[in-house]
Amino acid sequence: MQAITHHLRGIISVLYLTVNTLVWGTFLFAVTCLRLMIPLVSWRKICGRIAMFIAESWVFFNNTGIILTRNIDIVVEGIEKLDRKAWYLVISNHQSWTDIPILQKVFYHKIPFLKFFLKKELIWVPVLGQAWWALDFPFMKRYTPGFIKKHPHLKGKDMEITRKACEKFKDNPVSIMNFTEGTRFTTVKQQRQKSPFKNLLRPKAGGIGFVLSAMGDQLSYILDVTISYPDGEPDFWEFLCGKMRRIHVSVRKIPVTDELVGDYTNDKDYRIRFQRWLNDLWNQKDLYLEHEIKGRLKN
């Protein structure tokens, strides 16, 4: 009987999320169309504010319907002195689709709305691409070293495109979100890539190095987030069904110093230093997760 109740709750949760997304997504699409129809800077700013209100309303109702209605003990550390008027780069480990609603819940109205750097081609994805554009998600163009070799005149062009995309954030605080491992953690993936960390995949320095190169002078802090699930390996369906009971989120605020900012694409010495710094950070995160796991086993 309990299993049936859990599955029923999961189905209701999926329906709730779908309806909530469709409702606010429809409003957002309408605002996007209005913004496209009138290419005035002042009008686009007004539409941008309305779009942000819609996105934050979507998150609020997700929080209310999916998280606050469940008996989940979410322990959060390190968010006491955050500011909605500051600029942040948020980096985190990634274990489950559950991470995303949890991060939205933890940072809701504490920092600016979380945004991701997106590939420029994604702007053409029907509905979603235009919604991301309306929300001022930064679009970037990345060229591989091999492509640059064949087209040397494009060297530095990707950074120029990224910097231009970030110009809109000079006067508008933003939180750029990056799951630094690039994908969700599994033991199979960890073994396949021969990760030196017990509970993490290898961090990919290129993404956040690129952001720091483009926005380093604007960013106030890096927020280093570590998410752990004391009850064991997380599953999004179990979360929707209400089976997940405990979640721990640790946030560490790291100042963006001159040592962390450089030309990741062209400065080899900086690239090596930055990769070493990130690996040290990931080693500390791995030790934290190992301590969490040992605590769970003792209990």
Protein backbone atom coordinates (compact mmCIF):
# COMPACT_ATOMS: atom_id res chain seq x y z
CA MET A 1 0.00 0.00 0.00
CA GLN A 2 2.84 2.36 0.89
CA ALA A 3 4.53 1.66 -2.46
CA ILE A 4 1.30 2.53 -4.30
CA THR A 5 1.05 5.79 -2.31
CA HIS A 6 4.63 6.71 -3.21
CA HIS A 7 4.11 6.01 -6.92
CA LEU A 8 0.86 7.98 -6.89
CA ARG A 9 2.67 10.93 -5.34
CA GLY A 10 5.36 10.64 -8.01
CA ILE A 11 2.77 10.70 -10.82
CA ILE A 12 1.03 13.72 -9.27
CA SER A 13 4.42 15.46 -8.94
CA VAL A 14 5.19 14.90 -12.62
CA LEU A 15 1.77 16.26 -13.62
CA TYR A 16 2.22 19.26 -11.32
CA LEU A 17 5.65 20.07 -12.76
CA THR A 18 4.33 19.70 -16.31
CA VAL A 19 1.34 21.99 -15.75
CA ASN A 20 3.43 24.55 -13.85
CA THR A 21 5.99 24.61 -16.67
CA LEU A 22 3.34 24.87 -19.40
CA VAL A 23 1.53 27.74 -17.66
CA TRP A 24 4.58 29.89 -17.00
CA GLY A 25 6.22 28.76 -20.25
CA THR A 26 3.22 30.09 -22.20
CA PHE A 27 3.54 33.49 -20.50
CA LEU A 28 7.28 33.51 -21.16
CA PHE A 29 6.82 32.65 -24.84
CA ALA A 30 4.31 35.51 -25.20
CA VAL A 31 6.80 37.97 -23.66
CA THR A 32 9.51 36.64 -25.99
CA CYS A 33 7.32 37.34 -29.02
CA LEU A 34 6.59 40.88 -27.80
CA ARG A 35 10.28 41.50 -27.23
CA LEU A 36 11.10 40.35 -30.76
CA MET A 37 8.36 42.48 -32.32
CA ILE A 38 9.63 45.80 -30.92
CA PRO A 39 13.45 46.09 -31.18
CA LEU A 40 13.83 49.03 -28.78
CA VAL A 41 16.40 48.81 -25.97
CA SER A 42 14.04 50.28 -23.35
CA TRP A 43 11.24 47.91 -24.40
CA ARG A 44 13.59 44.91 -24.28
CA LYS A 45 14.61 45.86 -20.75
CA ILE A 46 10.97 45.96 -19.66
CA CYS A 47 10.32 42.59 -21.31
CA GLY A 48 13.46 41.22 -19.66
CA ARG A 49 12.18 42.20 -16.21
CA ILE A 50 8.78 40.63 -16.92
CA ALA A 51 10.48 37.45 -18.20
CA MET A 52 12.57 37.27 -15.02
CA PHE A 53 9.43 37.63 -12.87
CA ILE A 54 7.87 34.74 -14.81
CA ALA A 55 10.97 32.54 -14.37
CA GLU A 56 11.15 33.26 -10.63
CA SER A 57 7.41 32.53 -10.30
CA TRP A 58 8.00 29.18 -11.99
CA VAL A 59 10.75 28.39 -9.46
CA PHE A 60 8.57 29.56 -6.55
CA PHE A 61 5.72 27.23 -7.49
CA ASN A 62 8.17 24.37 -8.09
CA ASN A 63 9.53 24.96 -4.59
CA THR A 64 6.06 25.16 -3.07
CA GLY A 65 4.58 22.14 -4.81
CA ILE A 66 7.53 19.76 -4.92
CA ILE A 67 9.85 20.56 -2.02
CA LEU A 68 7.90 22.36 0.70
CA THR A 69 5.11 19.76 0.63
CA ARG A 70 7.56 16.97 1.46
CA ASN A 71 9.15 16.00 4.73
CA ILE A 72 12.72 16.64 3.56
CA ASP A 73 15.38 17.78 5.98
CA ILE A 74 17.51 20.15 3.86
CA VAL A 75 20.59 21.19 5.84
CA VAL A 76 22.28 24.21 4.27
CA GLU A 77 25.57 25.81 5.31
CA GLY A 78 27.22 29.01 4.09
CA ILE A 79 24.41 31.11 2.60
CA GLU A 80 24.13 33.66 5.40
CA LYS A 81 25.90 36.57 3.68
CA LEU A 82 24.80 36.28 0.07
CA ASP A 83 23.51 39.27 -1.87
CA ARG A 84 20.97 39.51 -4.72
CA LYS A 85 22.85 42.55 -6.00
CA ALA A 86 26.19 40.75 -6.42
CA TRP A 87 27.69 38.78 -9.32
CA TYR A 88 28.43 35.07 -8.76
CA LEU A 89 29.90 32.07 -10.53
CA VAL A 90 28.26 28.99 -8.97
CA ILE A 91 30.09 25.67 -9.35
CA SER A 92 28.84 22.36 -8.00
CA ASN A 93 29.21 18.60 -8.06
CA HIS A 94 26.41 16.82 -9.91
CA GLN A 95 24.80 13.55 -8.79
CA SER A 96 21.16 13.69 -9.84
CA TRP A 97 18.47 15.71 -11.62
CA THR A 98 17.39 16.44 -8.04
CA ASP A 99 20.37 18.80 -7.77
CA ILE A 100 18.67 21.40 -9.97
CA PRO A 101 15.44 21.96 -7.97
CA ILE A 102 17.47 21.79 -4.75
CA LEU A 103 19.84 24.53 -5.94
CA GLN A 104 16.88 26.63 -7.07
CA LYS A 105 15.33 26.18 -3.62
CA VAL A 106 18.54 26.96 -1.72
CA PHE A 107 19.41 30.11 -3.70
CA TYR A 108 15.89 31.42 -4.30
CA HIS A 109 15.87 35.20 -3.65
CA LYS A 110 19.34 34.98 -2.06
CA ILE A 111 21.36 35.51 -5.23
CA PRO A 112 20.40 36.54 -8.78
CA PHE A 113 18.49 33.97 -10.86
CA LEU A 114 20.72 31.06 -11.90
CA LYS A 115 21.75 31.16 -15.57
CA PHE A 116 23.81 28.82 -17.70
CA PHE A 117 26.23 29.59 -20.52
CA LEU A 118 24.68 28.00 -23.61
CA LYS A 119 26.06 27.07 -27.02
CA LYS A 120 25.09 29.69 -29.58
CA GLU A 121 23.34 27.05 -31.73
CA LEU A 122 20.80 26.37 -28.94
CA ILE A 123 19.10 29.69 -29.58
CA TRP A 124 17.37 27.98 -32.53
CA VAL A 125 15.76 25.27 -30.36
CA PRO A 126 11.99 25.84 -30.73
CA VAL A 127 10.41 27.69 -27.78
CA LEU A 128 13.25 26.92 -25.32
CA GLY A 129 15.90 28.79 -27.29
CA GLN A 130 13.73 31.89 -27.50
CA ALA A 131 12.83 31.59 -23.79
CA TRP A 132 16.53 31.46 -22.84
CA TRP A 133 17.10 34.50 -25.04
CA ALA A 134 14.24 36.37 -23.33
CA LEU A 135 15.80 35.55 -19.96
CA ASP A 136 19.16 36.93 -21.14
CA PHE A 137 20.98 33.61 -20.84
CA PRO A 138 24.47 34.19 -22.28
CA PHE A 139 25.11 32.40 -25.58
CA MET A 140 28.69 31.53 -26.47
CA LYS A 141 30.61 30.11 -29.42
CA ARG A 142 33.43 27.65 -28.75
CA TYR A 143 36.01 26.73 -31.40
CA THR A 144 38.15 23.62 -31.00
CA PRO A 145 41.97 23.91 -31.30
CA GLY A 146 41.76 21.85 -34.49
CA PHE A 147 39.23 24.24 -36.01
CA ILE A 148 41.38 27.25 -35.08
CA LYS A 149 44.37 25.59 -36.79
CA LYS A 150 42.42 25.39 -40.03
CA HIS A 151 40.94 28.88 -39.59
CA PRO A 152 43.60 30.95 -37.74
CA HIS A 153 41.77 34.22 -38.48
CA LEU A 154 39.09 33.11 -35.98
CA LYS A 155 41.53 32.87 -33.06
CA GLY A 156 40.09 34.78 -30.11
CA LYS A 157 36.73 35.22 -31.83
CA ASP A 158 34.97 32.86 -29.39
CA MET A 159 36.18 34.93 -26.43
CA GLU A 160 35.05 38.11 -28.17
CA ILE A 161 31.57 36.63 -28.67
CA THR A 162 31.41 35.56 -25.01
CA ARG A 163 32.55 38.96 -23.76
CA LYS A 164 29.89 40.63 -25.89
CA ALA A 165 27.24 38.27 -24.47
CA CYS A 166 28.35 39.26 -20.96
CA GLU A 167 28.13 43.01 -21.58
CA LYS A 168 24.44 42.98 -20.58
CA PHE A 169 25.49 41.88 -17.08
CA LYS A 170 27.64 44.94 -16.35
CA ASP A 171 24.68 46.72 -14.80
CA ASN A 172 22.53 43.67 -14.01
CA PRO A 173 23.75 41.22 -11.33
CA VAL A 174 23.83 37.60 -12.47
CA SER A 175 24.60 34.11 -11.19
CA ILE A 176 26.29 31.86 -13.75
CA MET A 177 25.76 28.17 -12.93
CA ASN A 178 28.23 25.45 -13.93
CA PHE A 179 28.17 21.72 -13.10
CA THR A 180 31.93 21.43 -13.33
CA GLU A 181 32.11 17.66 -13.90
CA GLY A 182 30.09 18.10 -17.08
CA THR A 183 27.74 15.20 -16.33
CA ARG A 184 26.12 13.38 -13.41
CA PHE A 185 28.34 11.23 -11.21
CA THR A 186 28.05 7.45 -11.36
CA THR A 187 30.51 4.79 -10.23
CA VAL A 188 30.71 3.49 -13.81
CA LYS A 189 31.69 6.93 -15.15
CA GLN A 190 34.15 7.41 -12.30
CA GLN A 191 35.90 4.14 -13.14
CA ARG A 192 35.77 4.73 -16.90
CA GLN A 193 37.61 8.05 -16.69
CA LYS A 194 39.91 6.77 -13.92
CA SER A 195 39.02 9.69 -11.70
CA PRO A 196 41.46 10.21 -8.80
CA PHE A 197 38.49 11.16 -6.59
CA LYS A 198 36.38 8.60 -4.74
CA ASN A 199 33.08 10.44 -4.96
CA LEU A 200 33.54 12.81 -7.90
CA LEU A 201 34.35 12.85 -11.58
CA ARG A 202 37.27 14.87 -12.90
CA PRO A 203 36.43 18.60 -12.98
CA LYS A 204 36.49 20.28 -16.37
CA ALA A 205 38.42 23.51 -16.01
CA GLY A 206 37.71 24.88 -19.49
CA GLY A 207 34.12 25.97 -18.84
CA ILE A 208 34.69 28.02 -15.70
CA GLY A 209 38.11 29.19 -16.94
CA PHE A 210 36.34 30.57 -19.97
CA VAL A 211 33.73 32.34 -17.76
CA LEU A 212 36.44 33.85 -15.56
CA SER A 213 38.33 35.02 -18.64
CA ALA A 214 35.20 36.72 -19.97
CA MET A 215 33.68 38.00 -16.71
CA GLY A 216 36.46 37.96 -14.12
CA ASP A 217 36.37 41.72 -13.60
CA GLN A 218 32.60 41.62 -12.99
CA LEU A 219 32.28 38.60 -10.69
CA SER A 220 32.15 39.21 -6.94
CA TYR A 221 32.57 35.63 -5.72
CA ILE A 222 32.73 32.00 -6.74
CA LEU A 223 30.20 29.91 -4.81
CA ASP A 224 31.60 26.41 -4.39
CA VAL A 225 28.62 24.14 -3.73
CA THR A 226 28.81 20.56 -2.46
CA ILE A 227 25.58 18.56 -2.50
CA SER A 228 25.36 15.27 -0.61
CA TYR A 229 22.55 12.80 -0.01
CA PRO A 230 23.00 11.12 3.40
CA ASP A 231 20.41 8.42 2.63
CA GLY A 232 22.42 7.07 -0.29
CA GLU A 233 22.71 7.50 -4.05
CA PRO A 234 19.96 9.91 -5.16
CA ASP A 235 17.24 9.08 -7.65
CA PHE A 236 14.98 11.78 -9.10
CA TRP A 237 11.95 9.49 -9.24
CA GLU A 238 12.40 8.64 -5.54
CA PHE A 239 12.59 12.38 -4.85
CA LEU A 240 9.31 12.94 -6.71
CA CYS A 241 7.73 10.02 -4.85
CA GLY A 242 8.66 11.55 -1.49
CA LYS A 243 11.12 8.83 -0.48
CA MET A 244 14.11 11.15 -0.09
CA ARG A 245 14.45 12.38 3.50
CA ARG A 246 17.77 14.21 3.93
CA ILE A 247 19.86 16.52 1.74
CA HIS A 248 22.98 18.42 2.76
CA VAL A 249 24.19 21.50 0.86
CA SER A 250 27.46 23.19 1.75
CA VAL A 251 28.27 26.56 0.14
CA ARG A 252 31.72 28.12 0.30
CA LYS A 253 32.22 31.74 -0.86
CA ILE A 254 35.54 32.25 -2.65
CA PRO A 255 36.68 35.77 -3.60
CA VAL A 256 37.58 36.25 -7.27
CA THR A 257 41.18 37.40 -6.97
CA ASP A 258 43.62 38.45 -9.71
CA GLU A 259 45.26 35.01 -9.50
CA LEU A 260 42.01 33.36 -10.63
CA VAL A 261 41.53 35.61 -13.67
CA GLY A 262 43.50 35.23 -16.89
CA ASP A 263 43.44 34.25 -20.54
CA TYR A 264 42.50 30.57 -20.33
CA THR A 265 42.67 30.13 -24.10
CA ASN A 266 46.12 31.58 -24.84
CA ASP A 267 48.05 31.70 -21.54
CA LYS A 268 49.43 28.21 -20.92
CA ASP A 269 50.97 29.05 -17.53
CA TYR A 270 47.67 30.47 -16.29
CA ARG A 271 45.80 27.45 -17.62
CA ILE A 272 48.08 25.05 -15.71
CA ARG A 273 47.78 27.12 -12.48
CA PHE A 274 44.02 27.28 -12.79
CA GLN A 275 43.68 23.55 -13.42
CA ARG A 276 45.84 22.87 -10.35
CA TRP A 277 43.67 25.22 -8.24
CA LEU A 278 40.48 23.52 -9.41
CA ASN A 279 41.85 20.03 -8.72
CA ASP A 280 42.81 21.13 -5.19
CA LEU A 281 39.27 22.46 -4.72
CA TRP A 282 37.84 19.16 -5.95
CA ASN A 283 40.10 17.23 -3.59
CA GLN A 284 38.67 19.20 -0.64
CA LYS A 285 35.16 18.53 -1.92
CA ASP A 286 35.94 14.81 -2.19
CA LEU A 287 37.18 14.72 1.41
CA TYR A 288 33.98 16.45 2.55
CA LEU A 289 31.82 13.88 0.74
CA GLU A 290 33.90 11.02 2.15
CA HIS A 291 33.32 12.39 5.66
CA GLU A 292 29.58 12.57 4.92
CA ILE A 293 29.54 8.96 3.72
CA LYS A 294 31.44 7.70 6.78
CA GLY A 295 28.99 9.56 9.02
CA ARG A 296 26.10 7.89 7.21
CA LEU A 297 27.62 4.43 7.63
CA LYS A 298 28.11 5.00 11.37
CA ASN A 299 24.45 5.88 11.77
